[in-house]
Amino acid sequence: METNEIIKAITKLPINKRMLIIEKTLKTIRESESKKKMEDSAKSLYDDYSGNTELTEFTLLDGESFYEAR
């Protein structure tokens, strides 16, 4: 379906359905942008974490039980 066809179909809907489409579309755009930013950040830090043991020292404790001091 072409963009113009989608827009024509949307304009035929009642206002509450059109608003719902706008809300859902904006939500998916925000989610995909957020996910892309996180992926880009993780990729940019990968070399730092894979080559620097000081940044990953606490991962040795991943299997240990954690008790919170009160």
N, C-alpha and C. Protein backbone atom coordinates (compact mmCIF):
# COMPACT_ATOMS: atom_id res chain seq x y z
N MET A 1 0.84 -1.17 0.00
CA MET A 1 0.00 0.00 0.00
C MET A 1 0.90 1.25 0.00
N GLU A 2 0.60 2.18 -0.83
CA GLU A 2 1.36 3.42 -0.94
C GLU A 2 0.98 4.39 0.17
N THR A 3 1.86 5.33 0.45
CA THR A 3 1.63 6.32 1.50
C THR A 3 0.34 7.10 1.25
N ASN A 4 0.13 7.54 0.02
CA ASN A 4 -1.08 8.31 -0.29
C ASN A 4 -2.34 7.49 -0.04
N GLU A 5 -2.30 6.21 -0.35
CA GLU A 5 -3.45 5.34 -0.13
C GLU A 5 -3.72 5.19 1.37
N ILE A 6 -2.66 5.08 2.14
CA ILE A 6 -2.81 4.95 3.59
C ILE A 6 -3.43 6.21 4.16
N ILE A 7 -2.94 7.36 3.74
CA ILE A 7 -3.46 8.64 4.23
C ILE A 7 -4.93 8.80 3.86
N LYS A 8 -5.30 8.45 2.63
CA LYS A 8 -6.71 8.54 2.22
C LYS A 8 -7.59 7.63 3.07
N ALA A 9 -7.09 6.42 3.35
CA ALA A 9 -7.86 5.48 4.16
C ALA A 9 -8.00 6.00 5.59
N ILE A 10 -6.94 6.60 6.12
CA ILE A 10 -6.99 7.13 7.48
C ILE A 10 -7.97 8.29 7.59
N THR A 11 -8.01 9.15 6.59
CA THR A 11 -8.92 10.31 6.65
C THR A 11 -10.38 9.90 6.66
N LYS A 12 -10.67 8.70 6.23
CA LYS A 12 -12.06 8.22 6.22
C LYS A 12 -12.49 7.67 7.58
N LEU A 13 -11.54 7.48 8.47
CA LEU A 13 -11.85 6.93 9.79
C LEU A 13 -12.38 8.02 10.73
N PRO A 14 -13.10 7.61 11.77
CA PRO A 14 -13.52 8.57 12.78
C PRO A 14 -12.30 9.11 13.54
N ILE A 15 -12.45 10.28 14.13
CA ILE A 15 -11.33 10.96 14.77
C ILE A 15 -10.67 10.12 15.86
N ASN A 16 -11.45 9.38 16.65
CA ASN A 16 -10.83 8.57 17.72
C ASN A 16 -9.94 7.47 17.15
N LYS A 17 -10.32 6.90 16.03
CA LYS A 17 -9.48 5.87 15.39
C LYS A 17 -8.23 6.51 14.80
N ARG A 18 -8.36 7.70 14.23
CA ARG A 18 -7.21 8.40 13.67
C ARG A 18 -6.21 8.76 14.77
N MET A 19 -6.72 9.21 15.91
CA MET A 19 -5.85 9.54 17.04
C MET A 19 -5.13 8.30 17.55
N LEU A 20 -5.83 7.18 17.58
CA LEU A 20 -5.22 5.93 18.02
C LEU A 20 -4.07 5.55 17.08
N ILE A 21 -4.28 5.70 15.80
CA ILE A 21 -3.23 5.40 14.82
C ILE A 21 -2.02 6.29 15.05
N ILE A 22 -2.26 7.57 15.30
CA ILE A 22 -1.15 8.50 15.55
C ILE A 22 -0.38 8.10 16.80
N GLU A 23 -1.10 7.79 17.88
CA GLU A 23 -0.46 7.40 19.13
C GLU A 23 0.38 6.14 18.96
N LYS A 24 -0.17 5.14 18.31
CA LYS A 24 0.55 3.87 18.11
C LYS A 24 1.78 4.08 17.22
N THR A 25 1.64 4.90 16.19
CA THR A 25 2.76 5.16 15.29
C THR A 25 3.88 5.87 16.02
N LEU A 26 3.55 6.89 16.80
CA LEU A 26 4.56 7.61 17.57
C LEU A 26 5.25 6.70 18.58
N LYS A 27 4.48 5.83 19.20
CA LYS A 27 5.05 4.89 20.17
C LYS A 27 6.08 3.96 19.50
N THR A 28 5.74 3.44 18.34
CA THR A 28 6.68 2.54 17.66
C THR A 28 7.92 3.28 17.20
N ILE A 29 7.77 4.55 16.79
CA ILE A 29 8.94 5.35 16.39
C ILE A 29 9.85 5.57 17.58
N ARG A 30 9.26 5.96 18.71
CA ARG A 30 10.07 6.19 19.92
C ARG A 30 10.78 4.92 20.36
N GLU A 31 10.08 3.79 20.34
CA GLU A 31 10.69 2.53 20.76
C GLU A 31 11.83 2.13 19.85
N SER A 32 11.66 2.28 18.55
CA SER A 32 12.72 1.88 17.63
C SER A 32 13.92 2.82 17.74
N GLU A 33 13.68 4.10 17.96
CA GLU A 33 14.78 5.05 18.14
C GLU A 33 15.54 4.76 19.43
N SER A 34 14.81 4.47 20.48
CA SER A 34 15.43 4.16 21.77
C SER A 34 16.28 2.90 21.66
N LYS A 35 15.73 1.89 21.01
CA LYS A 35 16.46 0.63 20.84
C LYS A 35 17.73 0.85 20.02
N LYS A 36 17.63 1.65 18.97
CA LYS A 36 18.79 1.92 18.13
C LYS A 36 19.86 2.66 18.92
N LYS A 37 19.47 3.62 19.73
CA LYS A 37 20.44 4.36 20.55
C LYS A 37 21.15 3.43 21.53
N MET A 38 20.40 2.52 22.15
CA MET A 38 21.01 1.58 23.08
C MET A 38 21.98 0.64 22.37
N GLU A 39 21.59 0.16 21.20
CA GLU A 39 22.47 -0.73 20.43
C GLU A 39 23.74 0.00 20.01
N ASP A 40 23.61 1.23 19.55
CA ASP A 40 24.78 2.02 19.15
C ASP A 40 25.70 2.27 20.34
N SER A 41 25.12 2.57 21.50
CA SER A 41 25.91 2.80 22.71
C SER A 41 26.66 1.54 23.12
N ALA A 42 25.96 0.41 23.08
CA ALA A 42 26.60 -0.86 23.46
C ALA A 42 27.76 -1.19 22.51
N LYS A 43 27.54 -0.95 21.21
CA LYS A 43 28.61 -1.22 20.24
C LYS A 43 29.82 -0.31 20.47
N SER A 44 29.55 0.96 20.81
CA SER A 44 30.66 1.89 21.01
C SER A 44 31.46 1.57 22.26
N LEU A 45 30.84 0.93 23.24
CA LEU A 45 31.54 0.59 24.49
C LEU A 45 32.11 -0.82 24.50
N TYR A 46 31.81 -1.61 23.49
CA TYR A 46 32.24 -3.01 23.48
C TYR A 46 33.75 -3.15 23.61
N ASP A 47 34.50 -2.40 22.83
CA ASP A 47 35.96 -2.50 22.89
C ASP A 47 36.50 -2.11 24.26
N ASP A 48 35.89 -1.09 24.86
CA ASP A 48 36.34 -0.67 26.20
C ASP A 48 36.18 -1.80 27.20
N TYR A 49 35.03 -2.44 27.19
CA TYR A 49 34.76 -3.49 28.17
C TYR A 49 35.45 -4.81 27.85
N SER A 50 35.64 -5.12 26.58
CA SER A 50 36.29 -6.39 26.25
C SER A 50 37.79 -6.31 26.46
N GLY A 51 38.37 -5.12 26.42
CA GLY A 51 39.82 -5.01 26.56
C GLY A 51 40.29 -4.49 27.90
N ASN A 52 39.39 -4.09 28.79
CA ASN A 52 39.78 -3.50 30.05
C ASN A 52 39.18 -4.30 31.20
N THR A 53 40.00 -5.10 31.87
CA THR A 53 39.49 -5.96 32.94
C THR A 53 39.04 -5.18 34.16
N GLU A 54 39.53 -3.96 34.33
CA GLU A 54 39.09 -3.16 35.47
C GLU A 54 37.59 -2.85 35.38
N LEU A 55 37.07 -2.76 34.19
CA LEU A 55 35.65 -2.46 34.02
C LEU A 55 34.76 -3.69 34.22
N THR A 56 35.35 -4.87 34.20
CA THR A 56 34.54 -6.09 34.31
C THR A 56 34.91 -6.95 35.52
N GLU A 57 35.67 -6.40 36.47
CA GLU A 57 36.11 -7.18 37.63
C GLU A 57 34.94 -7.77 38.41
N PHE A 58 33.88 -7.00 38.57
CA PHE A 58 32.77 -7.47 39.39
C PHE A 58 31.94 -8.56 38.72
N THR A 59 32.17 -8.82 37.44
CA THR A 59 31.43 -9.90 36.79
C THR A 59 31.86 -11.26 37.33
N LEU A 60 33.02 -11.31 37.98
CA LEU A 60 33.46 -12.55 38.62
C LEU A 60 32.49 -12.95 39.73
N LEU A 61 31.77 -11.99 40.27
CA LEU A 61 30.83 -12.25 41.37
C LEU A 61 29.42 -12.57 40.88
N ASP A 62 29.23 -12.65 39.59
CA ASP A 62 27.88 -12.86 39.05
C ASP A 62 27.20 -14.11 39.60
N GLY A 63 27.92 -15.15 39.86
CA GLY A 63 27.31 -16.39 40.37
C GLY A 63 27.16 -16.42 41.88
N GLU A 64 27.71 -15.45 42.57
CA GLU A 64 27.67 -15.41 44.03
C GLU A 64 26.33 -14.89 44.54
N SER A 65 25.96 -15.35 45.73
CA SER A 65 24.75 -14.83 46.36
C SER A 65 25.02 -13.42 46.87
N PHE A 66 24.01 -12.61 46.84
CA PHE A 66 24.14 -11.23 47.28
C PHE A 66 23.30 -11.01 48.52
N TYR A 67 23.93 -10.50 49.57
CA TYR A 67 23.21 -10.19 50.80
C TYR A 67 23.37 -8.71 51.07
N GLU A 68 22.25 -8.03 51.17
CA GLU A 68 22.26 -6.60 51.39
C GLU A 68 22.55 -6.31 52.86
N ALA A 69 23.51 -5.40 53.11
CA ALA A 69 23.80 -4.99 54.47
C ALA A 69 22.71 -4.05 54.95
N ARG A 70 22.25 -4.25 56.15
CA ARG A 70 21.18 -3.37 56.68
C ARG A 70 21.66 -2.63 57.87
